[in-house]
Amino acid sequence: MIPGMGGRGMNPAKMKQMMKQMGINIEDVDDVEQVIIRTSEKDIIFNNAKVSIMTAQGVDTYQIVGTPEEVTRELEIPDDDIRLVVEQTGVSEEEAREALKNANGDLAEAIMTLSE
């Protein structure tokens, strides 16, 4: 428990003053439209998020407040890879694209699968 907090909470101005005395600074980022966190499998998207930066001991910590939406990332297949599979197997571009997706972009596996 922080001294002076009492049972009712602390005055925000007093809290800010105490944090400043401890070398902690909090700054809001204005006009945030969207925050995207990308992983290898999905994107986590925050629309109209509220973002704050807390600086303490020279380290910036970002806080994001909002409702996240998770979107599964689709494997991007380069056109050159599709053309190569088409040339090697004689299938349509759509079949080549599908084979590459099923093979997680592995050219050799896609060609072998289509050649069987």
Protein backbone atom coordinates (compact mmCIF):
# COMPACT_ATOMS: atom_id res chain seq x y z
CA MET A 1 0.00 0.00 0.00
CA ILE A 2 1.28 3.45 -0.86
CA PRO A 3 1.29 5.85 2.11
CA GLY A 4 -1.27 8.62 1.81
CA MET A 5 -3.53 6.62 -0.45
CA GLY A 6 -6.09 5.97 2.27
CA GLY A 7 -9.08 3.84 1.41
CA ARG A 8 -10.45 6.20 -1.24
CA GLY A 9 -7.58 6.55 -3.66
CA MET A 10 -5.27 9.44 -4.31
CA ASN A 11 -5.70 12.74 -6.02
CA PRO A 12 -4.37 12.29 -9.61
CA ALA A 13 -2.37 15.54 -9.38
CA LYS A 14 -0.72 14.38 -6.15
CA MET A 15 0.02 10.97 -7.71
CA LYS A 16 1.64 12.65 -10.73
CA GLN A 17 3.73 14.84 -8.43
CA MET A 18 4.93 11.80 -6.44
CA MET A 19 5.81 9.94 -9.63
CA LYS A 20 7.78 12.94 -10.89
CA GLN A 21 9.73 13.03 -7.62
CA MET A 22 10.60 9.35 -8.15
CA GLY A 23 11.86 10.12 -11.67
CA ILE A 24 8.85 8.60 -13.44
CA ASN A 25 7.25 10.55 -16.28
CA ILE A 26 4.05 9.59 -18.11
CA GLU A 27 3.15 11.13 -21.45
CA ASP A 28 0.08 10.42 -23.59
CA VAL A 29 0.50 9.92 -27.34
CA ASP A 30 -2.09 12.09 -29.11
CA ASP A 31 -4.21 11.24 -32.15
CA VAL A 32 -3.49 7.48 -32.17
CA GLU A 33 -5.56 5.86 -34.91
CA GLN A 34 -4.35 2.27 -34.73
CA VAL A 35 -1.77 0.06 -33.02
CA ILE A 36 -0.76 -3.23 -34.67
CA ILE A 37 1.27 -5.95 -32.98
CA ARG A 38 2.53 -8.42 -35.61
CA THR A 39 3.52 -11.98 -34.78
CA SER A 40 4.44 -14.74 -37.20
CA GLU A 41 0.92 -16.16 -37.00
CA LYS A 42 -1.41 -13.23 -36.34
CA ASP A 43 -1.86 -9.48 -36.05
CA ILE A 44 -3.33 -7.96 -32.89
CA ILE A 45 -5.03 -4.71 -33.90
CA PHE A 46 -6.15 -1.94 -31.55
CA ASN A 47 -8.34 0.66 -33.27
CA ASN A 48 -8.71 4.07 -31.56
CA ALA A 49 -6.32 2.96 -28.83
CA LYS A 50 -5.10 5.15 -26.00
CA VAL A 51 -1.31 4.99 -25.75
CA SER A 52 0.85 6.25 -22.88
CA ILE A 53 4.62 6.25 -22.55
CA MET A 54 6.04 5.85 -19.05
CA THR A 55 9.71 6.75 -18.68
CA ALA A 56 11.46 5.45 -15.56
CA GLN A 57 15.22 5.14 -15.08
CA GLY A 58 15.80 5.87 -18.78
CA VAL A 59 13.52 3.06 -19.98
CA ASP A 60 10.37 3.78 -22.01
CA THR A 61 7.39 1.50 -21.39
CA TYR A 62 4.40 1.76 -23.72
CA GLN A 63 0.91 1.11 -22.41
CA ILE A 64 -1.92 0.41 -24.85
CA VAL A 65 -5.53 0.61 -23.74
CA GLY A 66 -8.30 -0.51 -26.07
CA THR A 67 -10.14 -3.51 -27.42
CA PRO A 68 -7.89 -5.85 -29.40
CA GLU A 69 -8.96 -7.71 -32.53
CA GLU A 70 -6.93 -10.75 -33.56
CA VAL A 71 -6.50 -11.40 -37.28
CA THR A 72 -4.77 -14.55 -38.54
CA ARG A 73 -1.95 -13.70 -40.92
CA GLU A 74 -2.16 -15.26 -44.34
CA LEU A 75 1.01 -16.66 -45.88
CA GLU A 76 2.25 -14.36 -48.64
CA ILE A 77 3.36 -16.27 -51.72
CA PRO A 78 5.67 -14.32 -54.09
CA ASP A 79 4.62 -14.24 -57.77
CA ASP A 80 8.08 -15.54 -58.76
CA ASP A 81 7.50 -18.68 -56.68
CA ILE A 82 4.11 -19.25 -58.32
CA ARG A 83 5.63 -18.86 -61.81
CA LEU A 84 8.41 -21.31 -60.98
CA VAL A 85 5.95 -23.96 -59.77
CA VAL A 86 3.80 -23.43 -62.90
CA GLU A 87 6.89 -23.82 -65.13
CA GLN A 88 8.07 -26.95 -63.34
CA THR A 89 4.69 -28.72 -63.11
CA GLY A 90 2.49 -27.29 -65.88
CA VAL A 91 -0.42 -26.58 -63.50
CA SER A 92 -2.47 -23.37 -63.38
CA GLU A 93 -1.36 -20.40 -61.28
CA GLU A 94 -4.22 -21.01 -58.86
CA GLU A 95 -3.19 -24.67 -58.37
CA ALA A 96 0.42 -23.57 -57.87
CA ARG A 97 -0.62 -20.93 -55.31
CA GLU A 98 -2.72 -23.48 -53.40
CA ALA A 99 0.10 -26.05 -53.40
CA LEU A 100 2.54 -23.43 -52.08
CA LYS A 101 0.10 -22.43 -49.32
CA ASN A 102 -0.33 -26.08 -48.33
CA ALA A 103 3.47 -26.46 -48.28
CA ASN A 104 3.91 -23.27 -46.19
CA GLY A 105 5.77 -21.65 -49.08
CA ASP A 106 8.23 -24.53 -49.56
CA LEU A 107 8.94 -24.61 -53.32
CA ALA A 108 10.39 -28.13 -53.44
CA GLU A 109 7.52 -29.63 -51.46
CA ALA A 110 4.90 -27.89 -53.63
CA ILE A 111 6.56 -29.09 -56.86
CA MET A 112 6.93 -32.65 -55.57
CA THR A 113 3.29 -32.75 -54.43
CA LEU A 114 2.03 -31.51 -57.80
CA SER A 115 4.34 -33.87 -59.73
CA GLU A 116 2.99 -37.00 -58.05
